[in-house]
Structures are given as structure tokens and as C-alpha cells.
PDB file of all heavy atoms in Angstrom:
ATOM      1  N   ALA A   1     -24.878 -22.948  33.943  1.00  0.00           N
ATOM      2  CA  ALA A   1     -25.006 -21.895  32.939  1.00  0.00           C
ATOM      3  C   ALA A   1     -26.293 -21.111  33.292  1.00  0.00           C
ATOM      4  O   ALA A   1     -26.203 -19.823  33.130  1.00  0.00           O
ATOM      5  CB  ALA A   1     -25.296 -22.612  31.515  1.00  0.00           C
ATOM      6  N   ASP A   2     -27.249 -21.805  33.820  1.00  0.00           N
ATOM      7  CA  ASP A   2     -28.554 -20.956  34.144  1.00  0.00           C
ATOM      8  C   ASP A   2     -28.183 -20.086  35.362  1.00  0.00           C
ATOM      9  O   ASP A   2     -28.603 -18.913  35.442  1.00  0.00           O
ATOM     10  CB  ASP A   2     -29.641 -21.908  34.522  1.00  0.00           C
ATOM     11  CG  ASP A   2     -30.228 -22.575  33.254  1.00  0.00           C
ATOM     12  OD1 ASP A   2     -29.945 -22.146  32.159  1.00  0.00           O
ATOM     13  OD2 ASP A   2     -31.032 -23.570  33.472  1.00  0.00           O
ATOM     14  N   ALA A   3     -27.444 -20.530  36.334  1.00  0.00           N
ATOM     15  CA  ALA A   3     -27.022 -19.689  37.480  1.00  0.00           C
ATOM     16  C   ALA A   3     -26.136 -18.591  37.045  1.00  0.00           C
ATOM     17  O   ALA A   3     -26.360 -17.475  37.541  1.00  0.00           O
ATOM     18  CB  ALA A   3     -26.330 -20.580  38.518  1.00  0.00           C
ATOM     19  N   HIS A   4     -25.231 -18.785  36.109  1.00  0.00           N
ATOM     20  CA  HIS A   4     -24.393 -17.742  35.592  1.00  0.00           C
ATOM     21  C   HIS A   4     -25.239 -16.628  34.940  1.00  0.00           C
ATOM     22  O   HIS A   4     -24.984 -15.454  35.142  1.00  0.00           O
ATOM     23  CB  HIS A   4     -23.354 -18.339  34.665  1.00  0.00           C
ATOM     24  CG  HIS A   4     -22.325 -17.253  34.158  1.00  0.00           C
ATOM     25  ND1 HIS A   4     -21.402 -16.611  34.957  1.00  0.00           N
ATOM     26  CD2 HIS A   4     -22.202 -16.692  32.928  1.00  0.00           C
ATOM     27  CE1 HIS A   4     -20.736 -15.768  34.211  1.00  0.00           C
ATOM     28  NE2 HIS A   4     -21.179 -15.797  32.966  1.00  0.00           N
ATOM     29  N   ALA A   5     -26.195 -17.103  34.110  1.00  0.00           N
ATOM     30  CA  ALA A   5     -27.088 -16.118  33.379  1.00  0.00           C
ATOM     31  C   ALA A   5     -27.878 -15.392  34.365  1.00  0.00           C
ATOM     32  O   ALA A   5     -28.027 -14.184  34.221  1.00  0.00           O
ATOM     33  CB  ALA A   5     -27.937 -16.961  32.321  1.00  0.00           C
ATOM     34  N   LEU A   6     -28.412 -16.110  35.398  1.00  0.00           N
ATOM     35  CA  LEU A   6     -29.173 -15.516  36.387  1.00  0.00           C
ATOM     36  C   LEU A   6     -28.381 -14.434  37.149  1.00  0.00           C
ATOM     37  O   LEU A   6     -28.876 -13.295  37.361  1.00  0.00           O
ATOM     38  CB  LEU A   6     -29.768 -16.421  37.338  1.00  0.00           C
ATOM     39  CG  LEU A   6     -30.621 -15.905  38.546  1.00  0.00           C
ATOM     40  CD1 LEU A   6     -31.901 -15.152  37.991  1.00  0.00           C
ATOM     41  CD2 LEU A   6     -31.153 -16.894  39.419  1.00  0.00           C
ATOM     42  N   GLY A   7     -27.089 -14.717  37.463  1.00  0.00           N
ATOM     43  CA  GLY A   7     -26.219 -13.811  38.129  1.00  0.00           C
ATOM     44  C   GLY A   7     -25.911 -12.582  37.293  1.00  0.00           C
ATOM     45  O   GLY A   7     -25.971 -11.398  37.815  1.00  0.00           O
ATOM     46  N   GLU A   8     -25.779 -12.763  36.104  1.00  0.00           N
ATOM     47  CA  GLU A   8     -25.441 -11.630  35.141  1.00  0.00           C
ATOM     48  C   GLU A   8     -26.796 -10.756  35.071  1.00  0.00           C
ATOM     49  O   GLU A   8     -26.618  -9.495  35.063  1.00  0.00           O
ATOM     50  CB  GLU A   8     -25.103 -12.141  33.765  1.00  0.00           C
ATOM     51  CG  GLU A   8     -23.701 -12.619  33.634  1.00  0.00           C
ATOM     52  CD  GLU A   8     -23.247 -13.179  32.271  1.00  0.00           C
ATOM     53  OE1 GLU A   8     -24.242 -13.193  31.386  1.00  0.00           O
ATOM     54  OE2 GLU A   8     -22.136 -13.453  32.052  1.00  0.00           O
ATOM     55  N   THR A   9     -27.914 -11.393  35.053  1.00  0.00           N
ATOM     56  CA  THR A   9     -29.189 -10.605  34.937  1.00  0.00           C
ATOM     57  C   THR A   9     -29.327  -9.795  36.181  1.00  0.00           C
ATOM     58  O   THR A   9     -29.724  -8.621  36.255  1.00  0.00           O
ATOM     59  CB  THR A   9     -30.294 -11.616  34.750  1.00  0.00           C
ATOM     60  OG1 THR A   9     -30.149 -12.279  33.506  1.00  0.00           O
ATOM     61  CG2 THR A   9     -31.647 -10.943  34.753  1.00  0.00           C
ATOM     62  N   LEU A  10     -29.018 -10.426  37.461  1.00  0.00           N
ATOM     63  CA  LEU A  10     -29.125  -9.741  38.649  1.00  0.00           C
ATOM     64  C   LEU A  10     -28.152  -8.575  38.726  1.00  0.00           C
ATOM     65  O   LEU A  10     -28.596  -7.513  39.179  1.00  0.00           O
ATOM     66  CB  LEU A  10     -28.951 -10.662  39.839  1.00  0.00           C
ATOM     67  CG  LEU A  10     -30.020 -11.663  40.104  1.00  0.00           C
ATOM     68  CD1 LEU A  10     -29.575 -12.609  41.204  1.00  0.00           C
ATOM     69  CD2 LEU A  10     -31.332 -11.030  40.418  1.00  0.00           C
ATOM     70  N   VAL A  11     -26.905  -8.792  38.232  1.00  0.00           N
ATOM     71  CA  VAL A  11     -25.877  -7.692  38.265  1.00  0.00           C
ATOM     72  C   VAL A  11     -26.339  -6.560  37.392  1.00  0.00           C
ATOM     73  O   VAL A  11     -26.300  -5.328  37.786  1.00  0.00           O
ATOM     74  CB  VAL A  11     -24.504  -8.242  37.918  1.00  0.00           C
ATOM     75  CG1 VAL A  11     -23.538  -7.075  37.545  1.00  0.00           C
ATOM     76  CG2 VAL A  11     -23.941  -9.128  39.017  1.00  0.00           C
ATOM     77  N   GLU A  12     -26.808  -6.824  36.287  1.00  0.00           N
ATOM     78  CA  GLU A  12     -27.311  -5.816  35.177  1.00  0.00           C
ATOM     79  C   GLU A  12     -28.585  -5.069  35.836  1.00  0.00           C
ATOM     80  O   GLU A  12     -28.594  -3.856  35.799  1.00  0.00           O
ATOM     81  CB  GLU A  12     -27.763  -6.515  33.892  1.00  0.00           C
ATOM     82  CG  GLU A  12     -26.617  -7.039  33.087  1.00  0.00           C
ATOM     83  CD  GLU A  12     -27.047  -7.706  31.837  1.00  0.00           C
ATOM     84  OE1 GLU A  12     -28.297  -7.691  31.527  1.00  0.00           O
ATOM     85  OE2 GLU A  12     -26.244  -8.410  31.228  1.00  0.00           O
ATOM     86  N   GLY A  13     -29.409  -5.886  36.538  1.00  0.00           N
ATOM     87  CA  GLY A  13     -30.600  -5.198  37.181  1.00  0.00           C
ATOM     88  C   GLY A  13     -30.190  -4.295  38.285  1.00  0.00           C
ATOM     89  O   GLY A  13     -30.693  -3.141  38.384  1.00  0.00           O
ATOM     90  N   ALA A  14     -29.200  -4.761  39.077  1.00  0.00           N
ATOM     91  CA  ALA A  14     -28.591  -3.873  40.148  1.00  0.00           C
ATOM     92  C   ALA A  14     -28.004  -2.667  39.579  1.00  0.00           C
ATOM     93  O   ALA A  14     -28.216  -1.579  40.116  1.00  0.00           O
ATOM     94  CB  ALA A  14     -27.626  -4.758  41.036  1.00  0.00           C
ATOM     95  N   ASN A  15     -27.227  -2.813  38.505  1.00  0.00           N
ATOM     96  CA  ASN A  15     -26.540  -1.610  37.912  1.00  0.00           C
ATOM     97  C   ASN A  15     -27.547  -0.713  37.344  1.00  0.00           C
ATOM     98  O   ASN A  15     -27.397   0.547  37.557  1.00  0.00           O
ATOM     99  CB  ASN A  15     -25.573  -2.146  36.791  1.00  0.00           C
ATOM    100  CG  ASN A  15     -24.392  -2.794  37.255  1.00  0.00           C
ATOM    101  OD1 ASN A  15     -23.930  -2.556  38.509  1.00  0.00           O
ATOM    102  ND2 ASN A  15     -23.681  -3.612  36.553  1.00  0.00           N
ATOM    103  N   ASP A  16     -28.628  -1.199  36.724  1.00  0.00           N
ATOM    104  CA  ASP A  16     -29.671  -0.345  36.271  1.00  0.00           C
ATOM    105  C   ASP A  16     -30.360   0.350  37.317  1.00  0.00           C
ATOM    106  O   ASP A  16     -30.685   1.582  37.172  1.00  0.00           O
ATOM    107  CB  ASP A  16     -30.757  -1.119  35.375  1.00  0.00           C
ATOM    108  CG  ASP A  16     -30.120  -1.677  34.061  1.00  0.00           C
ATOM    109  OD1 ASP A  16     -29.015  -1.265  33.659  1.00  0.00           O
ATOM    110  OD2 ASP A  16     -30.704  -2.514  33.463  1.00  0.00           O
ATOM    111  N   LEU A  17     -30.584  -0.286  38.421  1.00  0.00           N
ATOM    112  CA  LEU A  17     -31.346   0.288  39.593  1.00  0.00           C
ATOM    113  C   LEU A  17     -30.427   1.356  40.164  1.00  0.00           C
ATOM    114  O   LEU A  17     -30.861   2.396  40.500  1.00  0.00           O
ATOM    115  CB  LEU A  17     -31.615  -0.826  40.633  1.00  0.00           C
ATOM    116  CG  LEU A  17     -32.353  -0.328  41.889  1.00  0.00           C
ATOM    117  CD1 LEU A  17     -33.666   0.366  41.612  1.00  0.00           C
ATOM    118  CD2 LEU A  17     -32.541  -1.418  42.864  1.00  0.00           C
ATOM    119  N   ALA A  18     -29.152   1.107  40.309  1.00  0.00           N
ATOM    120  CA  ALA A  18     -28.119   2.100  40.840  1.00  0.00           C
ATOM    121  C   ALA A  18     -28.223   3.312  39.998  1.00  0.00           C
ATOM    122  O   ALA A  18     -28.124   4.425  40.530  1.00  0.00           O
ATOM    123  CB  ALA A  18     -26.828   1.437  40.979  1.00  0.00           C
ATOM    124  N   ALA A  19     -28.089   3.116  38.634  1.00  0.00           N
ATOM    125  CA  ALA A  19     -28.142   4.234  37.818  1.00  0.00           C
ATOM    126  C   ALA A  19     -29.343   5.024  37.859  1.00  0.00           C
ATOM    127  O   ALA A  19     -29.370   6.321  37.914  1.00  0.00           O
ATOM    128  CB  ALA A  19     -27.917   3.760  36.349  1.00  0.00           C
ATOM    129  N   GLU A  20     -30.491   4.378  38.024  1.00  0.00           N
ATOM    130  CA  GLU A  20     -31.749   5.066  38.087  1.00  0.00           C
ATOM    131  C   GLU A  20     -31.839   5.822  39.439  1.00  0.00           C
ATOM    132  O   GLU A  20     -32.321   7.002  39.501  1.00  0.00           O
ATOM    133  CB  GLU A  20     -32.973   4.020  38.088  1.00  0.00           C
ATOM    134  CG  GLU A  20     -34.352   4.693  38.260  1.00  0.00           C
ATOM    135  CD  GLU A  20     -34.675   5.543  37.062  1.00  0.00           C
ATOM    136  OE1 GLU A  20     -34.193   5.385  35.959  1.00  0.00           O
ATOM    137  OE2 GLU A  20     -35.533   6.390  37.321  1.00  0.00           O
ATOM    138  N   VAL A  21     -31.380   5.206  40.557  1.00  0.00           N
ATOM    139  CA  VAL A  21     -31.416   5.856  41.857  1.00  0.00           C
ATOM    140  C   VAL A  21     -30.429   7.152  41.839  1.00  0.00           C
ATOM    141  O   VAL A  21     -30.798   8.179  42.255  1.00  0.00           O
ATOM    142  CB  VAL A  21     -30.973   4.952  42.939  1.00  0.00           C
ATOM    143  CG1 VAL A  21     -30.635   5.674  44.236  1.00  0.00           C
ATOM    144  CG2 VAL A  21     -32.009   3.965  43.195  1.00  0.00           C
ATOM    145  N   THR A  22     -29.268   6.909  41.164  1.00  0.00           N
ATOM    146  CA  THR A  22     -28.370   8.021  41.051  1.00  0.00           C
ATOM    147  C   THR A  22     -28.891   9.216  40.285  1.00  0.00           C
ATOM    148  O   THR A  22     -28.889  10.379  40.663  1.00  0.00           O
ATOM    149  CB  THR A  22     -27.038   7.626  40.310  1.00  0.00           C
ATOM    150  OG1 THR A  22     -26.430   6.551  41.098  1.00  0.00           O
ATOM    151  CG2 THR A  22     -26.009   8.764  40.123  1.00  0.00           C
ATOM    152  N   THR A  23     -29.602   8.897  39.161  1.00  0.00           N
ATOM    153  CA  THR A  23     -30.268   9.921  38.357  1.00  0.00           C
ATOM    154  C   THR A  23     -31.352  10.645  39.222  1.00  0.00           C
ATOM    155  O   THR A  23     -31.451  11.839  39.084  1.00  0.00           O
ATOM    156  CB  THR A  23     -30.881   9.276  37.187  1.00  0.00           C
ATOM    157  OG1 THR A  23     -29.852   8.702  36.357  1.00  0.00           O
ATOM    158  CG2 THR A  23     -31.678  10.288  36.283  1.00  0.00           C
ATOM    159  N   ARG A  24     -32.215   9.882  39.923  1.00  0.00           N
ATOM    160  CA  ARG A  24     -33.239  10.459  40.599  1.00  0.00           C
ATOM    161  C   ARG A  24     -32.697  11.309  41.773  1.00  0.00           C
ATOM    162  O   ARG A  24     -33.240  12.398  42.127  1.00  0.00           O
ATOM    163  CB  ARG A  24     -34.160   9.425  41.256  1.00  0.00           C
ATOM    164  CG  ARG A  24     -35.001   8.865  40.126  1.00  0.00           C
ATOM    165  CD  ARG A  24     -36.111   8.062  40.562  1.00  0.00           C
ATOM    166  NE  ARG A  24     -36.884   7.480  39.422  1.00  0.00           N
ATOM    167  CZ  ARG A  24     -37.969   6.863  39.537  1.00  0.00           C
ATOM    168  NH1 ARG A  24     -38.553   6.705  40.655  1.00  0.00           N
ATOM    169  NH2 ARG A  24     -38.590   6.389  38.547  1.00  0.00           N
TER     170      ARG A  24
END
């Protein structure tokens, strides 16, 4: 469960980073 939550957090962080990079 912790690994799954960490994976989701990493995916969300990567998506947020990609969106920020795209915007910039």
C-alpha cells in the first residue's frame, strides 16, 4: 500500500513537473 501510494505520488509529481515544463 505504501509503495502504491508512493508510486502515485511520484506519477503525480512527474505529471505536475511535465505540465510546468510545458508551460515554461
